[in-house]
Amino acid sequence: MFKKTLVIPALITLYIGATEAQEHKRPDNFMTAQLSEQLLNETQAFSNDRLVNAQATLLRKHYLALIEAGFSKSEALQIVVAKAGKER
């Protein structure tokens, strides 16, 4: 009888603790799902052919303008690569 009175409250405590732990995970799971959906939507939007072509054209124009301004081809490429990396 004495063991049952200790075991039952211990089980209830563990159950409550597990339930609270799951509740704390829900916001993370919700936020993770929302972020995943947002990243998927952004990826699909950035994959639009017209947008990709416009970005490529703009990068090419920057590259050519840098060469025309006196930068070497290597320097111009490094600048364009750095600029493209910052935009993402």
PDB file of N, CA and C in Angstrom:
ATOM      1  N   MET A   1       0.822  -1.193   0.000  1.00  0.00           N
ATOM      2  CA  MET A   1       0.000   0.000   0.000  1.00  0.00           C
ATOM      3  C   MET A   1       0.865   1.257   0.000  1.00  0.00           C
ATOM      4  N   PHE A   2       1.928   1.236   0.802  1.00  0.00           N
ATOM      5  CA  PHE A   2       2.807   2.394   0.900  1.00  0.00           C
ATOM      6  C   PHE A   2       3.480   2.678  -0.447  1.00  0.00           C
ATOM      7  N   LYS A   3       3.897   1.636  -1.165  1.00  0.00           N
ATOM      8  CA  LYS A   3       4.559   1.816  -2.458  1.00  0.00           C
ATOM      9  C   LYS A   3       3.599   2.402  -3.489  1.00  0.00           C
ATOM     10  N   LYS A   4       2.335   2.004  -3.457  1.00  0.00           N
ATOM     11  CA  LYS A   4       1.361   2.535  -4.405  1.00  0.00           C
ATOM     12  C   LYS A   4       1.142   4.020  -4.189  1.00  0.00           C
ATOM     13  N   THR A   5       1.169   4.467  -2.959  1.00  0.00           N
ATOM     14  CA  THR A   5       0.951   5.888  -2.690  1.00  0.00           C
ATOM     15  C   THR A   5       2.130   6.728  -3.170  1.00  0.00           C
ATOM     16  N   LEU A   6       3.302   6.150  -3.307  1.00  0.00           N
ATOM     17  CA  LEU A   6       4.448   6.880  -3.853  1.00  0.00           C
ATOM     18  C   LEU A   6       4.519   6.777  -5.366  1.00  0.00           C
ATOM     19  N   VAL A   7       4.143   5.642  -5.907  1.00  0.00           N
ATOM     20  CA  VAL A   7       4.254   5.417  -7.343  1.00  0.00           C
ATOM     21  C   VAL A   7       3.233   6.244  -8.113  1.00  0.00           C
ATOM     22  N   ILE A   8       2.010   6.294  -7.649  1.00  0.00           N
ATOM     23  CA  ILE A   8       0.958   7.019  -8.367  1.00  0.00           C
ATOM     24  C   ILE A   8       1.274   8.512  -8.468  1.00  0.00           C
ATOM     25  N   PRO A   9       1.644   9.203  -7.371  1.00  0.00           N
ATOM     26  CA  PRO A   9       1.999  10.627  -7.531  1.00  0.00           C
ATOM     27  C   PRO A   9       3.231  10.819  -8.431  1.00  0.00           C
ATOM     28  N   ALA A  10       4.181   9.876  -8.366  1.00  0.00           N
ATOM     29  CA  ALA A  10       5.365   9.992  -9.221  1.00  0.00           C
ATOM     30  C   ALA A  10       4.977   9.877 -10.685  1.00  0.00           C
ATOM     31  N   LEU A  11       4.096   8.948 -11.024  1.00  0.00           N
ATOM     32  CA  LEU A  11       3.642   8.795 -12.401  1.00  0.00           C
ATOM     33  C   LEU A  11       2.869  10.023 -12.878  1.00  0.00           C
ATOM     34  N   ILE A  12       2.044  10.564 -12.015  1.00  0.00           N
ATOM     35  CA  ILE A  12       1.284  11.767 -12.367  1.00  0.00           C
ATOM     36  C   ILE A  12       2.239  12.930 -12.622  1.00  0.00           C
ATOM     37  N   THR A  13       3.252  13.056 -11.778  1.00  0.00           N
ATOM     38  CA  THR A  13       4.237  14.128 -11.943  1.00  0.00           C
ATOM     39  C   THR A  13       4.985  13.978 -13.269  1.00  0.00           C
ATOM     40  N   LEU A  14       5.398  12.759 -13.597  1.00  0.00           N
ATOM     41  CA  LEU A  14       6.087  12.523 -14.866  1.00  0.00           C
ATOM     42  C   LEU A  14       5.187  12.825 -16.060  1.00  0.00           C
ATOM     43  N   TYR A  15       3.913  12.444 -15.952  1.00  0.00           N
ATOM     44  CA  TYR A  15       2.968  12.700 -17.036  1.00  0.00           C
ATOM     45  C   TYR A  15       2.789  14.205 -17.251  1.00  0.00           C
ATOM     46  N   ILE A  16       2.632  14.938 -16.155  1.00  0.00           N
ATOM     47  CA  ILE A  16       2.460  16.396 -16.247  1.00  0.00           C
ATOM     48  C   ILE A  16       3.717  17.039 -16.832  1.00  0.00           C
ATOM     49  N   GLY A  17       4.882  16.567 -16.387  1.00  0.00           N
ATOM     50  CA  GLY A  17       6.137  17.106 -16.913  1.00  0.00           C
ATOM     51  C   GLY A  17       6.286  16.850 -18.401  1.00  0.00           C
ATOM     52  N   ALA A  18       5.916  15.656 -18.840  1.00  0.00           N
ATOM     53  CA  ALA A  18       6.006  15.322 -20.265  1.00  0.00           C
ATOM     54  C   ALA A  18       5.026  16.159 -21.083  1.00  0.00           C
ATOM     55  N   THR A  19       3.838  16.373 -20.547  1.00  0.00           N
ATOM     56  CA  THR A  19       2.832  17.183 -21.235  1.00  0.00           C
ATOM     57  C   THR A  19       3.310  18.622 -21.380  1.00  0.00           C
ATOM     58  N   GLU A  20       3.884  19.186 -20.327  1.00  0.00           N
ATOM     59  CA  GLU A  20       4.391  20.557 -20.392  1.00  0.00           C
ATOM     60  C   GLU A  20       5.549  20.663 -21.371  1.00  0.00           C
ATOM     61  N   ALA A  21       6.394  19.651 -21.411  1.00  0.00           N
ATOM     62  CA  ALA A  21       7.520  19.665 -22.349  1.00  0.00           C
ATOM     63  C   ALA A  21       7.016  19.664 -23.790  1.00  0.00           C
ATOM     64  N   GLN A  22       5.974  18.908 -24.076  1.00  0.00           N
ATOM     65  CA  GLN A  22       5.416  18.888 -25.421  1.00  0.00           C
ATOM     66  C   GLN A  22       4.804  20.233 -25.771  1.00  0.00           C
ATOM     67  N   GLU A  23       4.163  20.865 -24.809  1.00  0.00           N
ATOM     68  CA  GLU A  23       3.566  22.172 -25.067  1.00  0.00           C
ATOM     69  C   GLU A  23       4.632  23.203 -25.381  1.00  0.00           C
ATOM     70  N   HIS A  24       5.787  23.092 -24.736  1.00  0.00           N
ATOM     71  CA  HIS A  24       6.872  24.036 -25.015  1.00  0.00           C
ATOM     72  C   HIS A  24       7.475  23.789 -26.387  1.00  0.00           C
ATOM     73  N   LYS A  25       7.374  22.600 -26.906  1.00  0.00           N
ATOM     74  CA  LYS A  25       7.916  22.299 -28.230  1.00  0.00           C
ATOM     75  C   LYS A  25       6.999  22.795 -29.342  1.00  0.00           C
ATOM     76  N   ARG A  26       5.743  22.947 -29.078  1.00  0.00           N
ATOM     77  CA  ARG A  26       4.811  23.339 -30.126  1.00  0.00           C
ATOM     78  C   ARG A  26       5.161  24.663 -30.787  1.00  0.00           C
ATOM     79  N   PRO A  27       5.519  25.713 -30.022  1.00  0.00           N
ATOM     80  CA  PRO A  27       5.885  26.958 -30.707  1.00  0.00           C
ATOM     81  C   PRO A  27       7.086  26.779 -31.626  1.00  0.00           C
ATOM     82  N   ASP A  28       8.062  25.991 -31.192  1.00  0.00           N
ATOM     83  CA  ASP A  28       9.225  25.758 -32.041  1.00  0.00           C
ATOM     84  C   ASP A  28       8.819  25.041 -33.312  1.00  0.00           C
ATOM     85  N   ASN A  29       7.985  24.023 -33.178  1.00  0.00           N
ATOM     86  CA  ASN A  29       7.534  23.293 -34.357  1.00  0.00           C
ATOM     87  C   ASN A  29       6.711  24.199 -35.265  1.00  0.00           C
ATOM     88  N   PHE A  30       5.876  25.024 -34.675  1.00  0.00           N
ATOM     89  CA  PHE A  30       5.070  25.962 -35.461  1.00  0.00           C
ATOM     90  C   PHE A  30       5.978  26.949 -36.180  1.00  0.00           C
ATOM     91  N   MET A  31       6.942  27.497 -35.459  1.00  0.00           N
ATOM     92  CA  MET A  31       7.849  28.468 -36.060  1.00  0.00           C
ATOM     93  C   MET A  31       8.711  27.813 -37.142  1.00  0.00           C
ATOM     94  N   THR A  32       9.151  26.593 -36.891  1.00  0.00           N
ATOM     95  CA  THR A  32       9.947  25.877 -37.882  1.00  0.00           C
ATOM     96  C   THR A  32       9.130  25.632 -39.144  1.00  0.00           C
ATOM     97  N   ALA A  33       7.890  25.240 -38.973  1.00  0.00           N
ATOM     98  CA  ALA A  33       7.012  25.005 -40.126  1.00  0.00           C
ATOM     99  C   ALA A  33       6.781  26.301 -40.896  1.00  0.00           C
ATOM    100  N   GLN A  34       6.559  27.395 -40.187  1.00  0.00           N
ATOM    101  CA  GLN A  34       6.329  28.681 -40.839  1.00  0.00           C
ATOM    102  C   GLN A  34       7.570  29.144 -41.592  1.00  0.00           C
ATOM    103  N   LEU A  35       8.734  29.001 -40.967  1.00  0.00           N
ATOM    104  CA  LEU A  35       9.978  29.410 -41.610  1.00  0.00           C
ATOM    105  C   LEU A  35      10.259  28.550 -42.839  1.00  0.00           C
ATOM    106  N   SER A  36      10.013  27.260 -42.725  1.00  0.00           N
ATOM    107  CA  SER A  36      10.212  26.363 -43.862  1.00  0.00           C
ATOM    108  C   SER A  36       9.319  26.752 -45.027  1.00  0.00           C
ATOM    109  N   GLU A  37       8.069  27.063 -44.725  1.00  0.00           N
ATOM    110  CA  GLU A  37       7.134  27.470 -45.776  1.00  0.00           C
ATOM    111  C   GLU A  37       7.569  28.787 -46.412  1.00  0.00           C
ATOM    112  N   GLN A  38       8.046  29.712 -45.589  1.00  0.00           N
ATOM    113  CA  GLN A  38       8.496  30.999 -46.107  1.00  0.00           C
ATOM    114  C   GLN A  38       9.717  30.815 -47.013  1.00  0.00           C
ATOM    115  N   LEU A  39      10.674  29.994 -46.587  1.00  0.00           N
ATOM    116  CA  LEU A  39      11.860  29.763 -47.405  1.00  0.00           C
ATOM    117  C   LEU A  39      11.510  29.077 -48.722  1.00  0.00           C
ATOM    118  N   LEU A  40      10.569  28.150 -48.673  1.00  0.00           N
ATOM    119  CA  LEU A  40      10.125  27.482 -49.895  1.00  0.00           C
ATOM    120  C   LEU A  40       9.488  28.488 -50.848  1.00  0.00           C
ATOM    121  N   ASN A  41       8.635  29.358 -50.318  1.00  0.00           N
ATOM    122  CA  ASN A  41       7.997  30.378 -51.161  1.00  0.00           C
ATOM    123  C   ASN A  41       9.020  31.333 -51.762  1.00  0.00           C
ATOM    124  N   GLU A  42      10.017  31.736 -50.967  1.00  0.00           N
ATOM    125  CA  GLU A  42      11.059  32.627 -51.477  1.00  0.00           C
ATOM    126  C   GLU A  42      11.872  31.944 -52.571  1.00  0.00           C
ATOM    127  N   THR A  43      12.192  30.673 -52.353  1.00  0.00           N
ATOM    128  CA  THR A  43      12.962  29.930 -53.345  1.00  0.00           C
ATOM    129  C   THR A  43      12.196  29.821 -54.651  1.00  0.00           C
ATOM    130  N   GLN A  44      10.908  29.546 -54.554  1.00  0.00           N
ATOM    131  CA  GLN A  44      10.092  29.466 -55.762  1.00  0.00           C
ATOM    132  C   GLN A  44      10.006  30.815 -56.457  1.00  0.00           C
ATOM    133  N   ALA A  45       9.870  31.878 -55.689  1.00  0.00           N
ATOM    134  CA  ALA A  45       9.786  33.220 -56.272  1.00  0.00           C
ATOM    135  C   ALA A  45      11.106  33.605 -56.945  1.00  0.00           C
ATOM    136  N   PHE A  46      12.225  33.304 -56.293  1.00  0.00           N
ATOM    137  CA  PHE A  46      13.530  33.655 -56.852  1.00  0.00           C
ATOM    138  C   PHE A  46      13.912  32.761 -58.026  1.00  0.00           C
ATOM    139  N   SER A  47      13.189  31.673 -58.223  1.00  0.00           N
ATOM    140  CA  SER A  47      13.465  30.770 -59.333  1.00  0.00           C
ATOM    141  C   SER A  47      12.713  31.168 -60.599  1.00  0.00           C
ATOM    142  N   ASN A  48      11.930  32.203 -60.527  1.00  0.00           N
ATOM    143  CA  ASN A  48      11.194  32.690 -61.692  1.00  0.00           C
ATOM    144  C   ASN A  48      12.185  33.040 -62.795  1.00  0.00           C
ATOM    145  N   ASP A  49      11.964  32.521 -63.988  1.00  0.00           N
ATOM    146  CA  ASP A  49      12.897  32.715 -65.102  1.00  0.00           C
ATOM    147  C   ASP A  49      13.159  34.180 -65.408  1.00  0.00           C
ATOM    148  N   ARG A  50      12.118  34.997 -65.396  1.00  0.00           N
ATOM    149  CA  ARG A  50      12.303  36.423 -65.693  1.00  0.00           C
ATOM    150  C   ARG A  50      13.186  37.095 -64.647  1.00  0.00           C
ATOM    151  N   LEU A  51      12.981  36.743 -63.386  1.00  0.00           N
ATOM    152  CA  LEU A  51      13.777  37.333 -62.318  1.00  0.00           C
ATOM    153  C   LEU A  51      15.238  36.884 -62.414  1.00  0.00           C
ATOM    154  N   VAL A  52      15.450  35.609 -62.667  1.00  0.00           N
ATOM    155  CA  VAL A  52      16.819  35.083 -62.785  1.00  0.00           C
ATOM    156  C   VAL A  52      17.537  35.759 -63.948  1.00  0.00           C
ATOM    157  N   ASN A  53      16.860  35.900 -65.078  1.00  0.00           N
ATOM    158  CA  ASN A  53      17.472  36.564 -66.239  1.00  0.00           C
ATOM    159  C   ASN A  53      17.769  38.031 -65.956  1.00  0.00           C
ATOM    160  N   ALA A  54      16.863  38.714 -65.253  1.00  0.00           N
ATOM    161  CA  ALA A  54      17.084  40.121 -64.906  1.00  0.00           C
ATOM    162  C   ALA A  54      18.279  40.267 -63.965  1.00  0.00           C
ATOM    163  N   GLN A  55      18.397  39.360 -62.993  1.00  0.00           N
ATOM    164  CA  GLN A  55      19.532  39.418 -62.071  1.00  0.00           C
ATOM    165  C   GLN A  55      20.844  39.162 -62.809  1.00  0.00           C
ATOM    166  N   ALA A  56      20.838  38.196 -63.713  1.00  0.00           N
ATOM    167  CA  ALA A  56      22.051  37.881 -64.475  1.00  0.00           C
ATOM    168  C   ALA A  56      22.458  39.067 -65.353  1.00  0.00           C
ATOM    169  N   THR A  57      21.474  39.688 -65.973  1.00  0.00           N
ATOM    170  CA  THR A  57      21.752  40.852 -66.818  1.00  0.00           C
ATOM    171  C   THR A  57      22.335  41.988 -65.996  1.00  0.00           C
ATOM    172  N   LEU A  58      21.778  42.216 -64.821  1.00  0.00           N
ATOM    173  CA  LEU A  58      22.265  43.286 -63.954  1.00  0.00           C
ATOM    174  C   LEU A  58      23.698  43.011 -63.492  1.00  0.00           C
ATOM    175  N   LEU A  59      23.976  41.772 -63.096  1.00  0.00           N
ATOM    176  CA  LEU A  59      25.342  41.431 -62.674  1.00  0.00           C
ATOM    177  C   LEU A  59      26.331  41.613 -63.821  1.00  0.00           C
ATOM    178  N   ARG A  60      25.928  41.224 -65.027  1.00  0.00           N
ATOM    179  CA  ARG A  60      26.794  41.389 -66.195  1.00  0.00           C
ATOM    180  C   ARG A  60      27.062  42.875 -66.449  1.00  0.00           C
ATOM    181  N   LYS A  61      26.036  43.703 -66.327  1.00  0.00           N
ATOM    182  CA  LYS A  61      26.203  45.148 -66.528  1.00  0.00           C
ATOM    183  C   LYS A  61      27.150  45.732 -65.480  1.00  0.00           C
ATOM    184  N   HIS A  62      27.024  45.287 -64.238  1.00  0.00           N
ATOM    185  CA  HIS A  62      27.948  45.759 -63.194  1.00  0.00           C
ATOM    186  C   HIS A  62      29.375  45.348 -63.524  1.00  0.00           C
ATOM    187  N   TYR A  63      29.550  44.109 -63.933  1.00  0.00           N
ATOM    188  CA  TYR A  63      30.880  43.586 -64.291  1.00  0.00           C
ATOM    189  C   TYR A  63      31.498  44.433 -65.410  1.00  0.00           C
ATOM    190  N   LEU A  64      30.734  44.657 -66.474  1.00  0.00           N
ATOM    191  CA  LEU A  64      31.250  45.436 -67.610  1.00  0.00           C
ATOM    192  C   LEU A  64      31.522  46.885 -67.214  1.00  0.00           C
ATOM    193  N   ALA A  65      30.670  47.453 -66.378  1.00  0.00           N
ATOM    194  CA  ALA A  65      30.873  48.832 -65.927  1.00  0.00           C
ATOM    195  C   ALA A  65      32.142  48.950 -65.079  1.00  0.00           C
ATOM    196  N   LEU A  66      32.419  47.950 -64.269  1.00  0.00           N
ATOM    197  CA  LEU A  66      33.639  47.974 -63.459  1.00  0.00           C
ATOM    198  C   LEU A  66      34.881  47.894 -64.335  1.00  0.00           C
ATOM    199  N   ILE A  67      34.835  47.068 -65.362  1.00  0.00           N
ATOM    200  CA  ILE A  67      35.967  46.970 -66.301  1.00  0.00           C
ATOM    201  C   ILE A  67      36.144  48.297 -67.022  1.00  0.00           C
ATOM    202  N   GLU A  68      35.049  48.892 -67.455  1.00  0.00           N
ATOM    203  CA  GLU A  68      35.103  50.183 -68.146  1.00  0.00           C
ATOM    204  C   GLU A  68      35.640  51.281 -67.225  1.00  0.00           C
ATOM    205  N   ALA A  69      35.376  51.139 -65.924  1.00  0.00           N
ATOM    206  CA  ALA A  69      35.849  52.131 -64.957  1.00  0.00           C
ATOM    207  C   ALA A  69      37.325  51.941 -64.624  1.00  0.00           C
ATOM    208  N   GLY A  70      37.957  50.871 -65.143  1.00  0.00           N
ATOM    209  CA  GLY A  70      39.382  50.702 -64.933  1.00  0.00           C
ATOM    210  C   GLY A  70      39.790  49.502 -64.089  1.00  0.00           C
ATOM    211  N   PHE A  71      38.851  48.763 -63.590  1.00  0.00           N
ATOM    212  CA  PHE A  71      39.189  47.560 -62.827  1.00  0.00           C
ATOM    213  C   PHE A  71      39.617  46.462 -63.784  1.00  0.00           C
ATOM    214  N   SER A  72      40.496  45.597 -63.316  1.00  0.00           N
ATOM    215  CA  SER A  72      40.860  44.440 -64.135  1.00  0.00           C
ATOM    216  C   SER A  72      39.680  43.473 -64.161  1.00  0.00           C
ATOM    217  N   LYS A  73      39.736  42.515 -65.090  1.00  0.00           N
ATOM    218  CA  LYS A  73      38.653  41.526 -65.167  1.00  0.00           C
ATOM    219  C   LYS A  73      38.553  40.733 -63.865  1.00  0.00           C
ATOM    220  N   SER A  74      39.691  40.418 -63.298  1.00  0.00           N
ATOM    221  CA  SER A  74      39.708  39.663 -62.044  1.00  0.00           C
ATOM    222  C   SER A  74      39.110  40.485 -60.906  1.00  0.00           C
ATOM    223  N   GLU A  75      39.503  41.752 -60.815  1.00  0.00           N
ATOM    224  CA  GLU A  75      38.962  42.625 -59.761  1.00  0.00           C
ATOM    225  C   GLU A  75      37.456  42.813 -59.928  1.00  0.00           C
ATOM    226  N   ALA A  76      37.025  43.033 -61.173  1.00  0.00           N
ATOM    227  CA  ALA A  76      35.599  43.229 -61.445  1.00  0.00           C
ATOM    228  C   ALA A  76      34.807  41.984 -61.054  1.00  0.00           C
ATOM    229  N   LEU A  77      35.350  40.828 -61.380  1.00  0.00           N
ATOM    230  CA  LEU A  77      34.665  39.582 -61.034  1.00  0.00           C
ATOM    231  C   LEU A  77      34.568  39.418 -59.522  1.00  0.00           C
ATOM    232  N   GLN A  78      35.646  39.740 -58.812  1.00  0.00           N
ATOM    233  CA  GLN A  78      35.625  39.628 -57.345  1.00  0.00           C
ATOM    234  C   GLN A  78      34.583  40.565 -56.738  1.00  0.00           C
ATOM    235  N   ILE A  79      34.480  41.759 -57.258  1.00  0.00           N
ATOM    236  CA  ILE A  79      33.506  42.729 -56.752  1.00  0.00           C
ATOM    237  C   ILE A  79      32.085  42.250 -57.023  1.00  0.00           C
ATOM    238  N   VAL A  80      31.837  41.757 -58.225  1.00  0.00           N
ATOM    239  CA  VAL A  80      30.496  41.275 -58.585  1.00  0.00           C
ATOM    240  C   VAL A  80      30.120  40.059 -57.741  1.00  0.00           C
ATOM    241  N   VAL A  81      31.070  39.163 -57.531  1.00  0.00           N
ATOM    242  CA  VAL A  81      30.797  37.988 -56.699  1.00  0.00           C
ATOM    243  C   VAL A  81      30.474  38.413 -55.269  1.00  0.00           C
ATOM    244  N   ALA A  82      31.240  39.356 -54.738  1.00  0.00           N
ATOM    245  CA  ALA A  82      30.981  39.835 -53.379  1.00  0.00           C
ATOM    246  C   ALA A  82      29.611  40.510 -53.293  1.00  0.00           C
ATOM    247  N   LYS A  83      29.279  41.295 -54.305  1.00  0.00           N
ATOM    248  CA  LYS A  83      27.971  41.973 -54.338  1.00  0.00           C
ATOM    249  C   LYS A  83      26.847  40.950 -54.414  1.00  0.00           C
ATOM    250  N   ALA A  84      26.999  39.949 -55.256  1.00  0.00           N
ATOM    251  CA  ALA A  84      25.955  38.916 -55.393  1.00  0.00           C
ATOM    252  C   ALA A  84      25.791  38.130 -54.096  1.00  0.00           C
ATOM    253  N   GLY A  85      26.890  37.900 -53.383  1.00  0.00           N
ATOM    254  CA  GLY A  85      26.812  37.185 -52.122  1.00  0.00           C
ATOM    255  C   GLY A  85      26.076  37.950 -51.041  1.00  0.00           C
ATOM    256  N   LYS A  86      26.206  39.263 -51.039  1.00  0.00           N
ATOM    257  CA  LYS A  86      25.520  40.105 -50.041  1.00  0.00           C
ATOM    258  C   LYS A  86      24.024  40.169 -50.278  1.00  0.00           C
ATOM    259  N   GLU A  87      23.608  40.031 -51.522  1.00  0.00           N
ATOM    260  CA  GLU A  87      22.191  40.156 -51.858  1.00  0.00           C
ATOM    261  C   GLU A  87      21.394  38.971 -51.377  1.00  0.00           C
ATOM    262  N   ARG A  88      22.006  37.860 -51.117  1.00  0.00           N
ATOM    263  CA  ARG A  88      21.292  36.650 -50.668  1.00  0.00           C
ATOM    264  C   ARG A  88      21.257  36.619 -49.210  1.00  0.00           C
TER     265      ARG A  88
END
